[in-house]
């Protein structure tokens, strides 16, 4: 007797990414055994295969040269589905900003939202990186810094246009907190405690985000502000290469894979705008017969 499928399909207990981590851990354990024990069957080698092409999900500029090359791939590996980055609505960002208790925190949230910066990039900013007359912020690679902040890739150094409102907020913050006692060029500094005036660190940002989450009831991370910013710029009609530059991506494919995901509502709206152009005048043959 054939059984009917369940009304509610069973969902996998673990996600593909988690399964792959477990598999890699087990394979690592077998590798350890092979190096330290006398086993004739090398299981880890039997669970690998040679795949031609490139590890990348797209054809590189030198694809015609590298297409005959191969790389080793594990047989026991699930395909990890690509997910769109999590974003915040403008109303949620407004609530978070209104929950900030001082100009530094407000300025940081506004900066992450408006500039699309990574949190590490914002913590590397120095006072001279703000070109106030041109309303630009320059992200520079200064190597290892005292607060351990760093930019992510060689494509991260760039110049970002910002609003007059953000520049005014920068002036207000500097005037209030960058007093003569502050002995650092870092823009973002600690406001209290024994390390007052020292560069802000990642742990300080984590504590700030946790306070704002508790205060607003909105779950967010600094990176979600970046994703929200770039997603909003995409909706505003920004070109792919402009988004790539503002995001500091090394490849335009990264930008396209992360931010070019039109919703059903967007597709429907574009169709309604275009359907008049798709109409074709046809003869009514029924009236001629």
Protein backbone atom coordinates (compact mmCIF):
# COMPACT_ATOMS: atom_id res chain seq x y z
CA UNK A 1 0.00 0.00 0.00
CA UNK A 2 1.48 3.33 -1.08
CA UNK A 3 1.73 5.89 1.67
CA UNK A 4 0.71 9.47 1.06
CA UNK A 5 3.48 12.05 1.39
CA UNK A 6 3.40 14.06 4.61
CA UNK A 7 1.39 17.26 4.55
CA UNK A 8 4.32 19.15 5.99
CA UNK A 9 7.58 18.00 4.33
CA UNK A 10 10.43 17.25 6.66
CA UNK A 11 13.05 19.96 6.79
CA UNK A 12 16.72 18.96 7.08
CA UNK A 13 18.00 19.17 10.64
CA UNK A 14 21.29 20.71 9.53
CA UNK A 15 22.04 23.14 6.74
CA UNK A 16 24.36 22.19 3.88
CA UNK A 17 27.12 24.42 5.21
CA UNK A 18 27.01 22.69 8.60
CA UNK A 19 27.08 19.24 6.96
CA UNK A 20 30.17 20.24 4.96
CA UNK A 21 31.95 21.37 8.16
CA UNK A 22 31.21 18.01 9.77
CA UNK A 23 32.44 16.12 6.70
CA UNK A 24 35.67 18.13 6.58
CA UNK A 25 36.24 17.43 10.28
CA UNK A 26 35.79 13.68 9.77
CA UNK A 27 38.14 13.72 6.76
CA UNK A 28 40.68 15.60 8.83
CA UNK A 29 40.43 12.88 11.48
CA UNK A 30 41.08 10.17 8.86
CA UNK A 31 44.04 12.18 7.56
CA UNK A 32 45.44 12.17 11.09
CA UNK A 33 45.03 8.40 11.32
CA UNK A 34 46.75 7.87 7.98
CA UNK A 35 49.76 9.87 9.10
CA UNK A 36 50.10 8.18 12.48
CA UNK A 37 48.89 4.62 11.85
CA UNK A 38 49.82 1.97 9.32
CA UNK A 39 46.65 1.73 7.25
CA UNK A 40 46.77 0.28 3.75
CA UNK A 41 43.47 1.85 2.65
CA UNK A 42 43.78 5.61 2.25
CA UNK A 43 40.12 6.50 2.61
CA UNK A 44 40.61 10.22 2.26
CA UNK A 45 42.20 9.81 -1.17
CA UNK A 46 39.32 7.63 -2.30
CA UNK A 47 36.90 10.35 -1.32
CA UNK A 48 38.52 12.88 -3.64
CA UNK A 49 38.19 13.39 -7.37
CA UNK A 50 39.91 15.49 -10.00
CA UNK A 51 37.68 18.15 -11.56
CA UNK A 52 38.67 20.11 -14.64
CA UNK A 53 38.20 23.86 -14.84
CA UNK A 54 38.32 26.44 -12.08
CA UNK A 55 37.15 26.55 -8.47
CA UNK A 56 35.47 29.88 -9.19
CA UNK A 57 31.80 30.01 -10.10
CA UNK A 58 32.49 32.13 -13.17
CA UNK A 59 34.90 32.27 -16.13
CA UNK A 60 37.93 34.34 -15.29
CA UNK A 61 39.78 36.63 -17.67
CA UNK A 62 42.40 33.89 -18.29
CA UNK A 63 39.84 31.09 -18.62
CA UNK A 64 41.15 30.12 -22.07
CA UNK A 65 44.57 29.42 -20.51
CA UNK A 66 43.39 27.63 -17.35
CA UNK A 67 40.43 25.68 -18.74
CA UNK A 68 42.49 22.45 -19.13
CA UNK A 69 43.79 22.56 -15.56
CA UNK A 70 42.17 20.57 -12.77
CA UNK A 71 41.76 20.72 -9.01
CA UNK A 72 40.94 18.24 -6.26
CA UNK A 73 37.38 18.14 -4.95
CA UNK A 74 35.78 16.08 -2.17
CA UNK A 75 33.07 13.63 -3.20
CA UNK A 76 31.29 13.94 0.16
CA UNK A 77 30.18 17.54 -0.11
CA UNK A 78 26.78 19.17 -0.36
CA UNK A 79 26.09 22.19 -2.50
CA UNK A 80 25.55 25.19 -0.24
CA UNK A 81 22.58 27.23 -1.47
CA UNK A 82 23.30 30.92 -2.03
CA UNK A 83 21.29 33.21 0.18
CA UNK A 84 20.57 36.86 -0.26
CA UNK A 85 22.22 39.09 2.36
CA UNK A 86 19.98 40.07 5.25
CA UNK A 87 18.92 43.71 5.18
CA UNK A 88 17.11 46.25 7.34
CA UNK A 89 14.28 48.53 6.30
CA UNK A 90 14.75 52.29 6.42
CA UNK A 91 12.21 52.44 9.25
CA UNK A 92 14.26 49.96 11.29
CA UNK A 93 17.47 51.93 10.67
CA UNK A 94 15.67 55.10 11.77
CA UNK A 95 14.62 53.42 15.02
CA UNK A 96 18.20 52.27 15.65
CA UNK A 97 19.56 55.76 15.03
CA UNK A 98 17.00 57.34 17.35
CA UNK A 99 18.06 54.89 20.08
CA UNK A 100 21.68 56.12 20.05
CA UNK A 101 22.59 57.96 23.25
CA UNK A 102 25.44 60.11 21.92
CA UNK A 103 26.66 61.73 18.70
CA UNK A 104 29.52 59.23 18.25
CA UNK A 105 27.21 56.23 18.13
CA UNK A 106 24.75 58.05 15.89
CA UNK A 107 27.56 59.14 13.57
CA UNK A 108 28.90 55.56 13.35
CA UNK A 109 25.49 54.08 12.47
CA UNK A 110 24.83 56.85 9.94
CA UNK A 111 28.27 56.31 8.40
CA UNK A 112 27.82 52.54 8.01
CA UNK A 113 24.38 53.02 6.46
CA UNK A 114 25.23 55.86 4.10
CA UNK A 115 28.76 54.89 3.00
CA UNK A 116 28.30 51.10 2.71
CA UNK A 117 31.59 50.64 4.59
CA UNK A 118 32.64 47.51 6.41
CA UNK A 119 32.96 48.02 10.16
CA UNK A 120 36.70 47.32 9.99
CA UNK A 121 37.12 50.07 7.39
CA UNK A 122 35.31 52.61 9.57
CA UNK A 123 37.58 51.82 12.52
CA UNK A 124 40.67 52.47 10.37
CA UNK A 125 39.57 56.01 9.48
CA UNK A 126 41.80 58.91 10.49
CA UNK A 127 40.80 62.56 10.75
CA UNK A 128 42.65 63.43 7.55
CA UNK A 129 40.64 60.83 5.60
CA UNK A 130 37.66 63.20 5.58
CA UNK A 131 37.84 65.63 2.66
CA UNK A 132 35.08 67.88 3.94
CA UNK A 133 34.98 70.42 1.07
CA UNK A 134 34.50 67.67 -1.53
CA UNK A 135 32.28 65.63 0.84
CA UNK A 136 34.45 62.55 0.38
CA UNK A 137 35.88 59.90 2.68
CA UNK A 138 39.12 58.15 1.68
CA UNK A 139 39.67 54.57 2.86
CA UNK A 140 43.41 53.87 3.02
CA UNK A 141 45.50 50.82 3.84
CA UNK A 142 47.71 51.71 6.78
CA UNK A 143 48.69 48.18 7.69
CA UNK A 144 48.51 47.01 11.30
CA UNK A 145 46.86 49.54 13.63
CA UNK A 146 46.77 49.75 17.41
CA UNK A 147 43.06 48.85 17.58
CA UNK A 148 43.64 45.85 15.25
CA UNK A 149 41.23 47.27 12.68
CA UNK A 150 42.02 46.55 9.05
CA UNK A 151 40.63 46.79 5.56
CA UNK A 152 39.62 43.53 3.92
CA UNK A 153 41.16 43.32 0.45
CA UNK A 154 43.55 45.09 -1.89
CA UNK A 155 40.47 46.61 -3.54
CA UNK A 156 39.26 48.16 -0.28
CA UNK A 157 41.20 51.46 -0.58
CA UNK A 158 38.79 53.84 -2.33
CA UNK A 159 37.05 57.20 -2.09
CA UNK A 160 33.39 57.42 -1.12
CA UNK A 161 31.03 60.33 -1.71
CA UNK A 162 28.84 61.20 1.26
CA UNK A 163 26.13 63.72 2.11
CA UNK A 164 26.46 67.16 3.63
CA UNK A 165 24.40 65.87 6.56
CA UNK A 166 27.07 63.24 7.36
CA UNK A 167 29.88 65.80 7.11
CA UNK A 168 28.00 68.11 9.50
CA UNK A 169 27.58 65.19 11.89
CA UNK A 170 31.33 64.54 11.62
CA UNK A 171 32.07 68.18 12.59
CA UNK A 172 29.67 67.96 15.54
CA UNK A 173 31.28 64.76 16.79
CA UNK A 174 34.84 66.07 16.41
CA UNK A 175 34.02 69.35 18.16
CA UNK A 176 32.51 67.57 21.17
CA UNK A 177 34.87 64.65 21.71
CA UNK A 178 38.19 65.24 19.90
CA UNK A 179 39.51 67.63 22.52
CA UNK A 180 43.13 68.61 23.14
CA UNK A 181 43.49 65.65 25.52
CA UNK A 182 42.88 63.14 22.70
CA UNK A 183 46.20 61.91 21.32
CA UNK A 184 45.18 59.84 18.28
CA UNK A 185 44.29 60.44 14.65
CA UNK A 186 41.61 57.75 14.72
CA UNK A 187 38.16 59.21 14.11
CA UNK A 188 36.26 56.80 16.38
CA UNK A 189 37.46 56.81 19.98
CA UNK A 190 36.36 55.52 23.37
CA UNK A 191 34.26 58.06 25.26
CA UNK A 192 34.70 56.86 28.84
CA UNK A 193 36.66 54.55 31.14
CA UNK A 194 40.37 54.29 31.79
CA UNK A 195 41.07 54.11 28.05
CA UNK A 196 39.06 57.22 27.23
CA UNK A 197 40.34 58.89 24.07
CA UNK A 198 41.92 55.70 22.72
CA UNK A 199 40.87 54.24 19.33
CA UNK A 200 37.57 52.37 19.29
CA UNK A 201 37.92 48.57 18.96
CA UNK A 202 35.79 45.76 17.56
CA UNK A 203 34.72 44.71 21.07
CA UNK A 204 33.42 48.24 21.73
CA UNK A 205 31.27 48.06 18.59
CA UNK A 206 29.95 44.63 19.62
CA UNK A 207 28.91 46.07 22.99
CA UNK A 208 27.24 49.05 21.29
CA UNK A 209 25.28 46.81 18.91
CA UNK A 210 24.13 44.61 21.79
CA UNK A 211 22.87 47.67 23.69
CA UNK A 212 20.96 48.94 20.65
CA UNK A 213 19.47 45.50 19.98
CA UNK A 214 18.18 45.32 23.55
CA UNK A 215 16.87 48.88 23.42
CA UNK A 216 15.07 48.58 20.08
CA UNK A 217 14.19 44.89 19.89
CA UNK A 218 15.72 44.87 16.36
CA UNK A 219 18.34 42.26 15.56
CA UNK A 220 21.08 43.72 13.39
CA UNK A 221 24.81 43.63 12.78
CA UNK A 222 27.11 46.32 11.38
CA UNK A 223 27.40 44.27 8.18
CA UNK A 224 23.61 44.32 7.76
CA UNK A 225 23.81 48.11 7.55
CA UNK A 226 26.33 47.74 4.72
CA UNK A 227 24.12 45.23 2.90
CA UNK A 228 21.08 47.44 3.39
CA UNK A 229 22.93 50.44 1.99
CA UNK A 230 24.14 48.66 -1.15
CA UNK A 231 20.74 47.05 -1.70
CA UNK A 232 19.04 50.45 -1.50
CA UNK A 233 21.54 51.93 -3.98
CA UNK A 234 20.83 49.05 -6.34
CA UNK A 235 17.10 49.77 -6.13
CA UNK A 236 17.87 53.42 -6.85
CA UNK A 237 19.29 52.37 -10.22
CA UNK A 238 23.03 52.36 -9.56
CA UNK A 239 25.09 50.61 -12.23
CA UNK A 240 26.92 47.39 -11.36
CA UNK A 241 30.40 48.90 -11.70
CA UNK A 242 29.49 51.80 -9.42
CA UNK A 243 28.18 49.40 -6.77
CA UNK A 244 31.36 47.32 -7.07
CA UNK A 245 33.51 50.41 -6.50
CA UNK A 246 31.51 51.63 -3.52
CA UNK A 247 31.50 48.16 -1.95
CA UNK A 248 35.23 47.66 -2.49
CA UNK A 249 34.74 44.31 -4.23
CA UNK A 250 37.56 42.73 -6.22
CA UNK A 251 35.24 41.20 -8.83
CA UNK A 252 32.02 42.51 -10.31
CA UNK A 253 30.63 38.96 -10.11
CA UNK A 254 30.66 39.27 -6.31
CA UNK A 255 28.55 42.41 -6.52
CA UNK A 256 26.12 40.87 -9.00
CA UNK A 257 25.69 37.66 -7.02
CA UNK A 258 25.02 39.49 -3.75
CA UNK A 259 22.92 42.49 -4.75
CA UNK A 260 21.28 41.86 -8.11
CA UNK A 261 18.28 39.86 -6.93
CA UNK A 262 15.05 41.56 -8.07
CA UNK A 263 11.98 40.72 -6.02
CA UNK A 264 8.70 39.55 -7.52
CA UNK A 265 7.33 43.03 -6.80
CA UNK A 266 10.22 44.67 -8.71
CA UNK A 267 9.72 42.37 -11.70
CA UNK A 268 5.96 43.01 -11.70
CA UNK A 269 6.49 46.78 -11.54
CA UNK A 270 8.96 46.71 -14.44
CA UNK A 271 6.52 44.62 -16.47
CA UNK A 272 3.68 47.07 -15.87
CA UNK A 273 5.94 49.88 -17.06
CA UNK A 274 7.00 47.96 -20.17
CA UNK A 275 3.85 46.14 -21.26
CA UNK A 276 2.59 49.03 -23.40
CA UNK A 277 5.77 48.78 -25.46
CA UNK A 278 5.13 45.05 -25.96
CA UNK A 279 1.70 45.50 -27.58
CA UNK A 280 1.44 44.72 -31.30
CA UNK A 281 -1.43 45.88 -33.49
CA UNK A 282 -3.15 42.84 -34.97
CA UNK A 283 -5.84 42.63 -37.63
CA UNK A 284 -9.17 41.32 -36.42
CA UNK A 285 -9.68 38.53 -38.90
CA UNK A 286 -13.06 37.67 -37.42
CA UNK A 287 -14.60 40.83 -38.88
CA UNK A 288 -13.31 40.06 -42.41
CA UNK A 289 -14.91 36.66 -42.76
